[in-house]
């Protein structure tokens, strides 16, 4: 990695860029949920709330506890099944909802990977801050050359905290050795973007679709090169 000169570092706006993983480098799980909802004939909002809980907050929904590493996947899966039945949705399996991501994720978004490389060429530190599941770790970590692209990986299931809790953003900045005010965060979900803002970071929402993510990549480049 090419390091920026001290003068350039003093002038630039950001010292670090923190990226979500799913929805930034691969297709969004929330977009997959919208497609699954259309197939089931239910509202995407209801299905998302049932399977993943609200991403506007960090609470005791089974998926949230799973992402914090508090319960195993099979327990979360069973509890979500109960919630789905109580909501009148019948049998709902989180793996079925996310099934479309399996093949799509094999083609990471090169345009966003290029943004990471550009940031590192400027001497900006990079990190992944992801809400994820311990049982999925080997899969998603195999999709990108993480050691080459990022200085740190903050996985919610490992650090026992998750977005949008400001604490996970503070931890990520501390591990990179940067102040939150000097960090930029990128995520596909508005709730996580809001959480980063509460933690004192600047943030960009890249949305659930590819077109939105490509537009966000242009915005990120402008921000990391701004003074």
Protein backbone atom coordinates (compact mmCIF):
# COMPACT_ATOMS: atom_id res chain seq x y z
CA UNK A 1 0.00 0.00 0.00
CA UNK A 2 1.22 3.48 -0.90
CA UNK A 3 1.18 5.80 2.10
CA UNK A 4 0.14 9.39 1.79
CA UNK A 5 2.59 12.09 2.80
CA UNK A 6 2.16 13.71 6.25
CA UNK A 7 0.99 16.89 4.55
CA UNK A 8 -1.66 15.00 2.60
CA UNK A 9 -2.82 13.22 5.75
CA UNK A 10 -3.21 16.53 7.54
CA UNK A 11 -5.31 17.96 4.70
CA UNK A 12 -7.64 15.05 3.99
CA UNK A 13 -11.02 14.74 5.64
CA UNK A 14 -10.95 11.05 6.65
CA UNK A 15 -8.34 8.74 8.15
CA UNK A 16 -10.43 5.56 7.82
CA UNK A 17 -13.31 4.07 5.87
CA UNK A 18 -15.38 1.34 7.52
CA UNK A 19 -17.46 -0.91 5.25
CA UNK A 20 -20.36 -3.22 5.88
CA UNK A 21 -19.95 -6.52 3.99
CA UNK A 22 -23.29 -7.91 2.77
CA UNK A 23 -25.02 -5.25 0.70
CA UNK A 24 -21.75 -3.43 0.00
CA UNK A 25 -19.42 -6.04 -1.52
CA UNK A 26 -22.13 -8.59 -2.35
CA UNK A 27 -25.86 -8.31 -2.95
CA UNK A 28 -27.93 -7.10 -0.02
CA UNK A 29 -29.73 -9.61 2.21
CA UNK A 30 -32.52 -7.05 2.46
CA UNK A 31 -32.96 -7.04 -1.31
CA UNK A 32 -33.11 -10.85 -1.18
CA UNK A 33 -35.76 -10.56 1.52
CA UNK A 34 -37.82 -8.24 -0.66
CA UNK A 35 -37.73 -10.81 -3.48
CA UNK A 36 -38.65 -13.62 -1.08
CA UNK A 37 -41.56 -11.57 0.24
CA UNK A 38 -42.87 -11.00 -3.28
CA UNK A 39 -42.71 -14.75 -3.93
CA UNK A 40 -44.58 -15.46 -0.68
CA UNK A 41 -47.16 -12.75 -1.32
CA UNK A 42 -46.44 -10.88 1.91
CA UNK A 43 -45.07 -7.43 2.60
CA UNK A 44 -41.29 -7.07 2.66
CA UNK A 45 -41.55 -5.00 5.85
CA UNK A 46 -43.41 -7.78 7.68
CA UNK A 47 -41.08 -10.53 6.48
CA UNK A 48 -37.98 -8.51 7.37
CA UNK A 49 -39.33 -7.78 10.86
CA UNK A 50 -40.17 -11.45 11.42
CA UNK A 51 -36.87 -12.92 10.18
CA UNK A 52 -34.33 -10.25 11.09
CA UNK A 53 -36.08 -7.98 13.58
CA UNK A 54 -35.83 -4.23 13.26
CA UNK A 55 -32.53 -2.93 11.94
CA UNK A 56 -33.38 0.43 13.45
CA UNK A 57 -32.45 -0.95 16.85
CA UNK A 58 -30.43 -3.61 18.67
CA UNK A 59 -32.70 -5.75 20.84
CA UNK A 60 -33.52 -9.36 21.84
CA UNK A 61 -34.95 -10.60 18.54
CA UNK A 62 -33.48 -14.08 17.85
CA UNK A 63 -31.56 -12.82 14.80
CA UNK A 64 -30.02 -10.01 16.84
CA UNK A 65 -28.96 -12.45 19.56
CA UNK A 66 -27.56 -14.72 16.85
CA UNK A 67 -25.54 -11.85 15.34
CA UNK A 68 -24.18 -11.03 18.81
CA UNK A 69 -23.01 -14.62 19.17
CA UNK A 70 -25.36 -15.28 22.09
CA UNK A 71 -27.23 -18.24 20.58
CA UNK A 72 -26.45 -20.81 17.84
CA UNK A 73 -28.06 -20.65 14.42
CA UNK A 74 -30.41 -23.59 14.94
CA UNK A 75 -31.88 -22.00 18.07
CA UNK A 76 -32.45 -18.70 16.25
CA UNK A 77 -33.97 -20.58 13.33
CA UNK A 78 -36.46 -22.35 15.60
CA UNK A 79 -37.42 -19.18 17.47
CA UNK A 80 -37.92 -17.28 14.20
CA UNK A 81 -40.19 -20.10 13.05
CA UNK A 82 -42.38 -19.53 16.10
CA UNK A 83 -42.49 -15.76 15.46
CA UNK A 84 -43.45 -16.39 11.83
CA UNK A 85 -46.27 -18.74 12.82
CA UNK A 86 -47.58 -16.24 15.37
CA UNK A 87 -47.54 -13.57 12.66
CA UNK A 88 -49.64 -15.76 10.40
CA UNK A 89 -46.87 -16.41 7.85
CA UNK A 90 -46.76 -20.17 8.33
CA UNK A 91 -43.38 -21.88 8.20
CA UNK A 92 -40.56 -19.44 7.43
CA UNK A 93 -36.93 -20.54 7.25
CA UNK A 94 -34.25 -17.79 7.33
CA UNK A 95 -32.06 -19.89 5.01
CA UNK A 96 -34.85 -20.00 2.42
CA UNK A 97 -35.24 -16.23 2.64
CA UNK A 98 -31.50 -15.77 2.03
CA UNK A 99 -31.20 -18.56 -0.55
CA UNK A 100 -30.76 -16.23 -3.52
CA UNK A 101 -27.64 -14.75 -1.98
CA UNK A 102 -25.74 -18.01 -2.26
CA UNK A 103 -25.06 -17.83 -5.98
CA UNK A 104 -25.17 -14.04 -6.34
CA UNK A 105 -22.49 -13.54 -3.69
CA UNK A 106 -20.00 -15.48 -5.80
CA UNK A 107 -19.68 -12.34 -7.92
CA UNK A 108 -18.51 -9.58 -5.56
CA UNK A 109 -18.97 -5.96 -6.60
CA UNK A 110 -15.65 -5.08 -8.19
CA UNK A 111 -16.50 -1.38 -8.29
CA UNK A 112 -16.69 -1.27 -4.48
CA UNK A 113 -13.49 -3.30 -4.11
CA UNK A 114 -11.81 -0.67 -6.29
CA UNK A 115 -12.97 2.00 -3.82
CA UNK A 116 -11.18 0.12 -1.03
CA UNK A 117 -7.99 -0.07 -3.08
CA UNK A 118 -8.22 3.65 -3.87
CA UNK A 119 -8.65 4.49 -0.19
CA UNK A 120 -5.63 2.42 0.79
CA UNK A 121 -3.55 4.04 -1.95
CA UNK A 122 -4.31 7.35 -0.27
CA UNK A 123 -3.03 6.01 3.07
CA UNK A 124 -6.55 5.67 4.50
CA UNK A 125 -7.12 2.75 6.85
CA UNK A 126 -9.94 0.34 6.00
CA UNK A 127 -12.11 -2.00 8.00
CA UNK A 128 -15.13 -4.27 7.69
CA UNK A 129 -17.83 -3.82 10.34
CA UNK A 130 -20.40 -6.53 9.76
CA UNK A 131 -23.45 -7.93 11.51
CA UNK A 132 -22.87 -11.59 10.84
CA UNK A 133 -23.43 -15.11 12.04
CA UNK A 134 -20.64 -17.31 13.39
CA UNK A 135 -21.81 -20.29 11.33
CA UNK A 136 -21.56 -18.21 8.12
CA UNK A 137 -18.02 -16.99 8.80
CA UNK A 138 -16.07 -19.38 6.58
CA UNK A 139 -18.39 -18.65 3.67
CA UNK A 140 -18.34 -14.85 3.57
CA UNK A 141 -14.67 -14.56 4.51
CA UNK A 142 -13.77 -16.67 1.47
CA UNK A 143 -15.35 -14.22 -0.97
CA UNK A 144 -12.70 -11.46 -0.82
CA UNK A 145 -8.94 -11.24 -0.10
CA UNK A 146 -9.67 -9.67 3.29
CA UNK A 147 -6.07 -9.47 4.50
CA UNK A 148 -5.11 -7.56 1.37
CA UNK A 149 -8.01 -5.12 1.47
CA UNK A 150 -8.62 -4.39 5.15
CA UNK A 151 -6.63 -3.46 8.24
CA UNK A 152 -9.24 -4.98 10.55
CA UNK A 153 -12.43 -7.07 10.59
CA UNK A 154 -15.09 -6.41 13.22
CA UNK A 155 -17.57 -9.31 13.16
CA UNK A 156 -20.57 -8.84 15.44
CA UNK A 157 -20.67 -12.53 16.38
CA UNK A 158 -17.07 -12.31 17.61
CA UNK A 159 -17.17 -8.96 19.45
CA UNK A 160 -20.64 -9.65 20.98
CA UNK A 161 -22.13 -6.38 19.82
CA UNK A 162 -23.89 -5.38 16.62
CA UNK A 163 -24.94 -2.44 14.51
CA UNK A 164 -26.70 -0.04 14.99
CA UNK A 165 -25.34 0.06 18.57
CA UNK A 166 -22.84 2.96 18.61
CA UNK A 167 -20.52 0.82 20.74
CA UNK A 168 -19.49 -1.34 17.77
CA UNK A 169 -18.48 1.74 15.77
CA UNK A 170 -16.47 3.08 18.69
CA UNK A 171 -14.73 -0.29 18.99
CA UNK A 172 -13.94 -0.36 15.26
CA UNK A 173 -12.43 3.13 15.39
CA UNK A 174 -10.43 2.30 18.52
CA UNK A 175 -8.99 -0.80 16.85
CA UNK A 176 -7.94 1.28 13.84
CA UNK A 177 -6.53 4.05 16.02
CA UNK A 178 -8.75 6.76 14.53
CA UNK A 179 -11.23 9.25 15.95
CA UNK A 180 -14.90 8.67 14.98
CA UNK A 181 -15.08 12.17 13.52
CA UNK A 182 -12.29 11.18 11.11
CA UNK A 183 -13.99 7.98 9.94
CA UNK A 184 -16.48 7.30 7.15
CA UNK A 185 -18.88 4.36 7.29
CA UNK A 186 -20.66 2.64 4.38
CA UNK A 187 -23.73 0.40 4.78
CA UNK A 188 -26.79 -0.68 2.81
CA UNK A 189 -29.29 -0.22 5.67
CA UNK A 190 -30.40 3.26 6.83
CA UNK A 191 -30.67 2.05 10.45
CA UNK A 192 -26.98 1.15 10.56
CA UNK A 193 -26.05 4.43 8.88
CA UNK A 194 -28.01 6.27 11.58
CA UNK A 195 -26.21 4.26 14.28
CA UNK A 196 -22.84 5.30 12.86
CA UNK A 197 -23.99 8.91 12.89
CA UNK A 198 -24.91 8.61 16.57
CA UNK A 199 -21.39 7.30 17.19
CA UNK A 200 -19.92 10.42 15.59
CA UNK A 201 -18.94 8.99 12.19
CA UNK A 202 -19.86 10.34 8.78
CA UNK A 203 -21.80 7.75 6.79
CA UNK A 204 -23.01 6.84 3.32
CA UNK A 205 -26.02 4.61 2.64
CA UNK A 206 -25.44 2.54 -0.49
CA UNK A 207 -29.01 1.17 -0.61
CA UNK A 208 -30.12 -2.36 -1.40
CA UNK A 209 -29.65 -2.38 -5.18
CA UNK A 210 -26.59 -2.42 -7.40
CA UNK A 211 -27.37 0.90 -9.11
CA UNK A 212 -27.57 2.66 -5.75
CA UNK A 213 -24.31 1.04 -4.66
CA UNK A 214 -22.54 2.21 -7.82
CA UNK A 215 -23.75 5.76 -7.17
CA UNK A 216 -22.54 5.46 -3.57
CA UNK A 217 -19.09 4.38 -4.78
CA UNK A 218 -18.81 7.65 -6.69
CA UNK A 219 -19.86 9.56 -3.56
CA UNK A 220 -17.32 7.73 -1.38
CA UNK A 221 -14.50 8.52 -3.79
CA UNK A 222 -15.44 12.18 -3.69
CA UNK A 223 -15.49 12.17 0.10
CA UNK A 224 -12.15 10.43 0.62
CA UNK A 225 -10.40 12.81 -1.78
CA UNK A 226 -12.04 15.94 -0.35
CA UNK A 227 -10.22 18.34 1.95
